Amino acid sequence: MRDGRKIVKLVQAEVEEECQKWKSALIGYVIGGNPTFKEMLKYVYGVWNFVVTPQVFLHNDGYFIFRFMSDNDKETLLQNGPFTFNNRPMVLKHWEPDFQMSKEPLQVIPIWVTFPNLPVEYWAPRSLGRIASCLGKPICTDKLTTKGERVSYARILVEMDVSVELPEEVSIELPGGKCKLQNIKYEWRPLYCQSCLNIGHQNDF
């Protein structure tokens, strides 16, 4: 009892044990689409056949949870994105404790960003993370960027707020204090409506 109210106290070890079961999961939804469980299951078996097939769960709010056999499978899938479902963008986000499906802000979504002609001396993982942090929350790089097998551009998946204008460049400080302007390209520029707060179209005037 606390202040006259009944309070349920959970055992933290039990909570952490359950979290471990879901740490290799992704939350997914299709922008502008509402696939059925059967349709999504068919998609997963057909398109994601380069990793061990994850367990698929459908949430009442239209979200899918994909629980992978390992973190490696999850990262491999993300690195091979982006994915579309019936030509509509599919958003995939890391599962986190206390993730609230119905409260998920639809304006904050992962977008693949490329940095053309980024000097190779900036390709250290932490350096790439710092550069991407100017745009949002870095999630991962693709395989070719991670292995340094393609040096014409770096490609990073970044969780960004698409309700504001996406920047075209980022400033990188060089030794001595000078700055270099680095161009940015987006593999997909989502339209965002300020009226209905949804992705897929802009305000009609």
C-alpha atoms as a PDB file:
ATOM      1  CA  MET A   1       0.000   0.000   0.000  1.00  0.00           C
ATOM      2  CA  ARG A   2       1.175   3.551  -0.759  1.00  0.00           C
ATOM      3  CA  ASP A   3      -0.873   6.640   0.127  1.00  0.00           C
ATOM      4  CA  GLY A   4      -3.888   4.410   0.550  1.00  0.00           C
ATOM      5  CA  ARG A   5      -3.536   2.819  -2.885  1.00  0.00           C
ATOM      6  CA  LYS A   6      -2.576  -0.708  -3.839  1.00  0.00           C
ATOM      7  CA  ILE A   7       0.695  -0.801  -5.768  1.00  0.00           C
ATOM      8  CA  VAL A   8       1.898  -3.852  -7.665  1.00  0.00           C
ATOM      9  CA  LYS A   9       5.629  -4.368  -7.276  1.00  0.00           C
ATOM     10  CA  LEU A  10       7.255  -6.517  -9.952  1.00  0.00           C
ATOM     11  CA  VAL A  11      10.478  -8.484  -9.628  1.00  0.00           C
ATOM     12  CA  GLN A  12      13.045  -6.675 -11.774  1.00  0.00           C
ATOM     13  CA  ALA A  13      14.886  -9.881 -12.617  1.00  0.00           C
ATOM     14  CA  GLU A  14      11.694 -11.320 -14.111  1.00  0.00           C
ATOM     15  CA  VAL A  15      11.089  -8.161 -16.150  1.00  0.00           C
ATOM     16  CA  GLU A  16      14.653  -8.199 -17.474  1.00  0.00           C
ATOM     17  CA  GLU A  17      14.309 -11.869 -18.390  1.00  0.00           C
ATOM     18  CA  GLU A  18      11.274 -11.061 -20.543  1.00  0.00           C
ATOM     19  CA  CYS A  19      13.082  -8.100 -22.113  1.00  0.00           C
ATOM     20  CA  GLN A  20      15.837 -10.438 -23.238  1.00  0.00           C
ATOM     21  CA  LYS A  21      13.241 -12.423 -25.186  1.00  0.00           C
ATOM     22  CA  TRP A  22      12.272  -9.334 -27.181  1.00  0.00           C
ATOM     23  CA  LYS A  23      15.586  -7.503 -27.618  1.00  0.00           C
ATOM     24  CA  SER A  24      16.016  -9.059 -31.085  1.00  0.00           C
ATOM     25  CA  ALA A  25      12.588  -7.820 -32.220  1.00  0.00           C
ATOM     26  CA  LEU A  26      11.564  -5.084 -34.648  1.00  0.00           C
ATOM     27  CA  ILE A  27       8.353  -3.079 -34.700  1.00  0.00           C
ATOM     28  CA  GLY A  28       6.963  -2.610 -38.213  1.00  0.00           C
ATOM     29  CA  TYR A  29       4.106  -0.942 -40.040  1.00  0.00           C
ATOM     30  CA  VAL A  30       3.261  -0.054 -43.624  1.00  0.00           C
ATOM     31  CA  ILE A  31       2.704   3.617 -44.419  1.00  0.00           C
ATOM     32  CA  GLY A  32      -0.668   4.049 -46.096  1.00  0.00           C
ATOM     33  CA  GLY A  33      -1.410   0.336 -45.913  1.00  0.00           C
ATOM     34  CA  ASN A  34      -3.096  -2.110 -43.570  1.00  0.00           C
ATOM     35  CA  PRO A  35      -1.940  -5.642 -44.428  1.00  0.00           C
ATOM     36  CA  THR A  36      -3.543  -8.627 -42.781  1.00  0.00           C
ATOM     37  CA  PHE A  37      -1.553 -11.071 -40.680  1.00  0.00           C
ATOM     38  CA  LYS A  38      -1.726 -13.659 -43.479  1.00  0.00           C
ATOM     39  CA  GLU A  39      -0.474 -11.146 -46.065  1.00  0.00           C
ATOM     40  CA  MET A  40       2.426 -10.086 -43.855  1.00  0.00           C
ATOM     41  CA  LEU A  41       3.387 -13.673 -43.099  1.00  0.00           C
ATOM     42  CA  LYS A  42       3.494 -14.433 -46.839  1.00  0.00           C
ATOM     43  CA  TYR A  43       5.647 -11.336 -47.369  1.00  0.00           C
ATOM     44  CA  VAL A  44       8.117 -12.321 -44.635  1.00  0.00           C
ATOM     45  CA  TYR A  45       8.542 -15.842 -46.010  1.00  0.00           C
ATOM     46  CA  GLY A  46       8.967 -14.593 -49.560  1.00  0.00           C
ATOM     47  CA  VAL A  47      11.077 -11.433 -49.181  1.00  0.00           C
ATOM     48  CA  TRP A  48      13.041 -11.962 -45.977  1.00  0.00           C
ATOM     49  CA  ASN A  49      14.317 -15.377 -46.984  1.00  0.00           C
ATOM     50  CA  PHE A  50      17.986 -14.411 -46.451  1.00  0.00           C
ATOM     51  CA  VAL A  51      17.604 -14.674 -42.643  1.00  0.00           C
ATOM     52  CA  VAL A  52      15.972 -17.232 -40.380  1.00  0.00           C
ATOM     53  CA  THR A  53      12.239 -16.542 -40.554  1.00  0.00           C
ATOM     54  CA  PRO A  54      11.193 -14.441 -37.546  1.00  0.00           C
ATOM     55  CA  GLN A  55       8.074 -14.934 -35.478  1.00  0.00           C
ATOM     56  CA  VAL A  56       5.372 -12.516 -36.608  1.00  0.00           C
ATOM     57  CA  PHE A  57       2.845 -10.955 -34.217  1.00  0.00           C
ATOM     58  CA  LEU A  58       0.017  -8.574 -35.109  1.00  0.00           C
ATOM     59  CA  HIS A  59      -0.865  -5.817 -32.624  1.00  0.00           C
ATOM     60  CA  ASN A  60      -4.381  -4.385 -32.445  1.00  0.00           C
ATOM     61  CA  ASP A  61      -3.157  -0.908 -33.402  1.00  0.00           C
ATOM     62  CA  GLY A  62      -1.954  -2.133 -36.806  1.00  0.00           C
ATOM     63  CA  TYR A  63       1.667  -2.720 -35.848  1.00  0.00           C
ATOM     64  CA  PHE A  64       3.552  -5.938 -36.462  1.00  0.00           C
ATOM     65  CA  ILE A  65       6.246  -7.315 -34.173  1.00  0.00           C
ATOM     66  CA  PHE A  66       8.962  -9.408 -35.801  1.00  0.00           C
ATOM     67  CA  ARG A  67      10.990 -11.425 -33.301  1.00  0.00           C
ATOM     68  CA  PHE A  68      14.199 -12.745 -34.823  1.00  0.00           C
ATOM     69  CA  MET A  69      16.258 -15.711 -33.743  1.00  0.00           C
ATOM     70  CA  SER A  70      19.290 -13.486 -33.126  1.00  0.00           C
ATOM     71  CA  ASP A  71      20.460  -9.868 -33.068  1.00  0.00           C
ATOM     72  CA  ASN A  72      22.625 -10.697 -36.074  1.00  0.00           C
ATOM     73  CA  ASP A  73      19.579 -11.670 -38.149  1.00  0.00           C
ATOM     74  CA  LYS A  74      17.848  -8.456 -37.108  1.00  0.00           C
ATOM     75  CA  GLU A  75      20.839  -6.285 -38.063  1.00  0.00           C
ATOM     76  CA  THR A  76      21.291  -8.167 -41.351  1.00  0.00           C
ATOM     77  CA  LEU A  77      17.688  -7.456 -42.253  1.00  0.00           C
ATOM     78  CA  LEU A  78      18.006  -3.745 -41.466  1.00  0.00           C
ATOM     79  CA  GLN A  79      21.227  -3.481 -43.474  1.00  0.00           C
ATOM     80  CA  ASN A  80      19.454  -4.897 -46.533  1.00  0.00           C
ATOM     81  CA  GLY A  81      16.604  -2.364 -46.425  1.00  0.00           C
ATOM     82  CA  PRO A  82      14.641  -0.370 -47.207  1.00  0.00           C
ATOM     83  CA  PHE A  83      11.609  -2.586 -47.812  1.00  0.00           C
ATOM     84  CA  THR A  84       8.244  -1.920 -49.408  1.00  0.00           C
ATOM     85  CA  PHE A  85       4.940  -3.769 -49.114  1.00  0.00           C
ATOM     86  CA  ASN A  86       2.747  -3.509 -52.225  1.00  0.00           C
ATOM     87  CA  ASN A  87       4.867  -0.507 -53.276  1.00  0.00           C
ATOM     88  CA  ARG A  88       4.245   1.236 -49.945  1.00  0.00           C
ATOM     89  CA  PRO A  89       7.154   2.029 -47.589  1.00  0.00           C
ATOM     90  CA  MET A  90       7.580  -0.277 -44.623  1.00  0.00           C
ATOM     91  CA  VAL A  91       8.912   1.279 -41.435  1.00  0.00           C
ATOM     92  CA  LEU A  92      10.998  -0.934 -39.139  1.00  0.00           C
ATOM     93  CA  LYS A  93      12.084   0.209 -35.681  1.00  0.00           C
ATOM     94  CA  HIS A  94      13.933  -1.446 -32.821  1.00  0.00           C
ATOM     95  CA  TRP A  95      11.727  -2.787 -30.064  1.00  0.00           C
ATOM     96  CA  GLU A  96      12.378  -1.052 -26.749  1.00  0.00           C
ATOM     97  CA  PRO A  97      10.960  -1.625 -23.243  1.00  0.00           C
ATOM     98  CA  ASP A  98       7.753   0.356 -22.619  1.00  0.00           C
ATOM     99  CA  PHE A  99       7.179   0.793 -26.362  1.00  0.00           C
ATOM    100  CA  GLN A 100       3.614   2.108 -26.647  1.00  0.00           C
ATOM    101  CA  MET A 101       2.048   1.128 -29.960  1.00  0.00           C
ATOM    102  CA  SER A 102      -0.825   3.596 -30.005  1.00  0.00           C
ATOM    103  CA  LYS A 103       1.370   6.492 -28.852  1.00  0.00           C
ATOM    104  CA  GLU A 104       4.149   6.020 -31.399  1.00  0.00           C
ATOM    105  CA  PRO A 105       4.750   9.371 -33.169  1.00  0.00           C
ATOM    106  CA  LEU A 106       4.330   8.789 -36.884  1.00  0.00           C
ATOM    107  CA  GLN A 107       6.545  11.735 -37.779  1.00  0.00           C
ATOM    108  CA  VAL A 108       9.687  10.078 -36.376  1.00  0.00           C
ATOM    109  CA  ILE A 109      10.675   7.289 -38.767  1.00  0.00           C
ATOM    110  CA  PRO A 110      13.850   5.579 -40.050  1.00  0.00           C
ATOM    111  CA  ILE A 111      15.167   6.868 -43.385  1.00  0.00           C
ATOM    112  CA  TRP A 112      18.165   5.660 -45.394  1.00  0.00           C
ATOM    113  CA  VAL A 113      20.579   8.565 -45.836  1.00  0.00           C
ATOM    114  CA  THR A 114      23.634   8.664 -48.087  1.00  0.00           C
ATOM    115  CA  PHE A 115      26.668  10.944 -47.854  1.00  0.00           C
ATOM    116  CA  PRO A 116      28.156  11.185 -51.385  1.00  0.00           C
ATOM    117  CA  ASN A 117      31.942  11.384 -51.687  1.00  0.00           C
ATOM    118  CA  LEU A 118      32.447  11.341 -47.929  1.00  0.00           C
ATOM    119  CA  PRO A 119      36.243  11.299 -47.364  1.00  0.00           C
ATOM    120  CA  VAL A 120      37.392   7.853 -46.307  1.00  0.00           C
ATOM    121  CA  GLU A 121      39.131   9.219 -43.209  1.00  0.00           C
ATOM    122  CA  TYR A 122      35.666   9.943 -41.780  1.00  0.00           C
ATOM    123  CA  TRP A 123      34.475   6.342 -42.089  1.00  0.00           C
ATOM    124  CA  ALA A 124      35.291   5.171 -38.567  1.00  0.00           C
ATOM    125  CA  PRO A 125      32.046   3.825 -37.002  1.00  0.00           C
ATOM    126  CA  ARG A 126      32.015   6.499 -34.301  1.00  0.00           C
ATOM    127  CA  SER A 127      32.712   9.249 -36.828  1.00  0.00           C
ATOM    128  CA  LEU A 128      29.817   8.082 -39.004  1.00  0.00           C
ATOM    129  CA  GLY A 129      27.628   7.978 -35.928  1.00  0.00           C
ATOM    130  CA  ARG A 130      28.529  11.551 -35.006  1.00  0.00           C
ATOM    131  CA  ILE A 131      27.793  12.787 -38.528  1.00  0.00           C
ATOM    132  CA  ALA A 132      24.445  10.977 -38.640  1.00  0.00           C
ATOM    133  CA  SER A 133      23.560  12.309 -35.176  1.00  0.00           C
ATOM    134  CA  CYS A 134      23.230  15.772 -36.723  1.00  0.00           C
ATOM    135  CA  LEU A 135      20.171  14.443 -38.543  1.00  0.00           C
ATOM    136  CA  GLY A 136      18.604  12.243 -35.901  1.00  0.00           C
ATOM    137  CA  LYS A 137      19.205   8.940 -34.153  1.00  0.00           C
ATOM    138  CA  PRO A 138      21.583   6.615 -36.069  1.00  0.00           C
ATOM    139  CA  ILE A 139      20.390   3.014 -36.275  1.00  0.00           C
ATOM    140  CA  CYS A 140      22.882   1.162 -38.480  1.00  0.00           C
ATOM    141  CA  THR A 141      24.976   1.318 -41.651  1.00  0.00           C
ATOM    142  CA  ASP A 142      24.579  -0.997 -44.617  1.00  0.00           C
ATOM    143  CA  LYS A 143      26.992  -3.887 -45.138  1.00  0.00           C
ATOM    144  CA  LEU A 144      29.097  -2.180 -47.807  1.00  0.00           C
ATOM    145  CA  THR A 145      29.601   0.870 -45.580  1.00  0.00           C
ATOM    146  CA  THR A 146      30.428  -1.251 -42.557  1.00  0.00           C
ATOM    147  CA  LYS A 147      33.019  -3.279 -44.476  1.00  0.00           C
ATOM    148  CA  GLY A 148      34.347  -0.291 -46.440  1.00  0.00           C
ATOM    149  CA  GLU A 149      33.797  -2.104 -49.726  1.00  0.00           C
ATOM    150  CA  ARG A 150      32.134   0.901 -51.404  1.00  0.00           C
ATOM    151  CA  VAL A 151      33.800   4.266 -50.875  1.00  0.00           C
ATOM    152  CA  SER A 152      31.790   6.463 -53.269  1.00  0.00           C
ATOM    153  CA  TYR A 153      29.243   7.146 -50.523  1.00  0.00           C
ATOM    154  CA  ALA A 154      28.384   6.126 -46.976  1.00  0.00           C
ATOM    155  CA  ARG A 155      24.857   4.837 -46.307  1.00  0.00           C
ATOM    156  CA  ILE A 156      23.273   5.076 -42.862  1.00  0.00           C
ATOM    157  CA  LEU A 157      19.788   4.361 -41.504  1.00  0.00           C
ATOM    158  CA  VAL A 158      18.756   7.329 -39.351  1.00  0.00           C
ATOM    159  CA  GLU A 159      15.595   7.850 -37.316  1.00  0.00           C
ATOM    160  CA  MET A 160      14.441  11.349 -38.274  1.00  0.00           C
ATOM    161  CA  ASP A 161      11.605  13.777 -37.638  1.00  0.00           C
ATOM    162  CA  VAL A 162       9.952  14.160 -41.063  1.00  0.00           C
ATOM    163  CA  SER A 163       7.534  16.849 -39.873  1.00  0.00           C
ATOM    164  CA  VAL A 164      10.316  19.402 -40.424  1.00  0.00           C
ATOM    165  CA  GLU A 165      12.289  20.138 -43.591  1.00  0.00           C
ATOM    166  CA  LEU A 166      15.058  17.619 -44.150  1.00  0.00           C
ATOM    167  CA  PRO A 167      18.522  19.237 -44.344  1.00  0.00           C
ATOM    168  CA  GLU A 168      20.474  19.129 -47.596  1.00  0.00           C
ATOM    169  CA  GLU A 169      23.932  19.271 -46.000  1.00  0.00           C
ATOM    170  CA  VAL A 170      25.780  18.955 -42.722  1.00  0.00           C
ATOM    171  CA  SER A 171      28.857  20.857 -41.513  1.00  0.00           C
ATOM    172  CA  ILE A 172      31.859  18.798 -40.400  1.00  0.00           C
ATOM    173  CA  GLU A 173      34.604  20.508 -38.420  1.00  0.00           C
ATOM    174  CA  LEU A 174      38.112  19.882 -39.740  1.00  0.00           C
ATOM    175  CA  PRO A 175      41.436  20.056 -37.868  1.00  0.00           C
ATOM    176  CA  GLY A 176      42.233  23.733 -37.332  1.00  0.00           C
ATOM    177  CA  GLY A 177      38.600  24.758 -36.863  1.00  0.00           C
ATOM    178  CA  LYS A 178      37.485  25.090 -40.488  1.00  0.00           C
ATOM    179  CA  CYS A 179      34.263  23.397 -41.599  1.00  0.00           C
ATOM    180  CA  LYS A 180      33.458  21.207 -44.598  1.00  0.00           C
ATOM    181  CA  LEU A 181      29.954  21.095 -46.046  1.00  0.00           C
ATOM    182  CA  GLN A 182      28.892  17.513 -46.708  1.00  0.00           C
ATOM    183  CA  ASN A 183      25.992  16.895 -49.093  1.00  0.00           C
ATOM    184  CA  ILE A 184      23.134  14.627 -48.049  1.00  0.00           C
ATOM    185  CA  LYS A 185      20.859  12.482 -50.202  1.00  0.00           C
ATOM    186  CA  TYR A 186      17.721  10.639 -49.130  1.00  0.00           C
ATOM    187  CA  GLU A 187      16.546   7.388 -50.668  1.00  0.00           C
ATOM    188  CA  TRP A 188      12.966   8.344 -49.795  1.00  0.00           C
ATOM    189  CA  ARG A 189      11.478  11.733 -48.932  1.00  0.00           C
ATOM    190  CA  PRO A 190       8.164  11.143 -47.189  1.00  0.00           C
ATOM    191  CA  LEU A 191       5.370  13.685 -47.550  1.00  0.00           C
ATOM    192  CA  TYR A 192       4.042  14.881 -44.194  1.00  0.00           C
ATOM    193  CA  CYS A 193       0.700  16.606 -43.604  1.00  0.00           C
ATOM    194  CA  GLN A 194       0.750  19.252 -40.858  1.00  0.00           C
ATOM    195  CA  SER A 195      -3.061  19.154 -40.666  1.00  0.00           C
ATOM    196  CA  CYS A 196      -3.761  15.475 -39.972  1.00  0.00           C
ATOM    197  CA  LEU A 197      -0.228  14.681 -38.729  1.00  0.00           C
ATOM    198  CA  ASN A 198       0.113  11.702 -41.044  1.00  0.00           C
ATOM    199  CA  ILE A 199       2.657  10.591 -43.615  1.00  0.00           C
ATOM    200  CA  GLY A 200       1.721  10.119 -47.257  1.00  0.00           C
ATOM    201  CA  HIS A 201       0.486  13.529 -48.385  1.00  0.00           C
ATOM    202  CA  GLN A 202       0.915  17.224 -47.707  1.00  0.00           C
ATOM    203  CA  ASN A 203      -1.579  19.953 -46.865  1.00  0.00           C
ATOM    204  CA  ASP A 204      -4.003  20.671 -49.669  1.00  0.00           C
ATOM    205  CA  PHE A 205      -4.464  24.393 -50.309  1.00  0.00           C
END
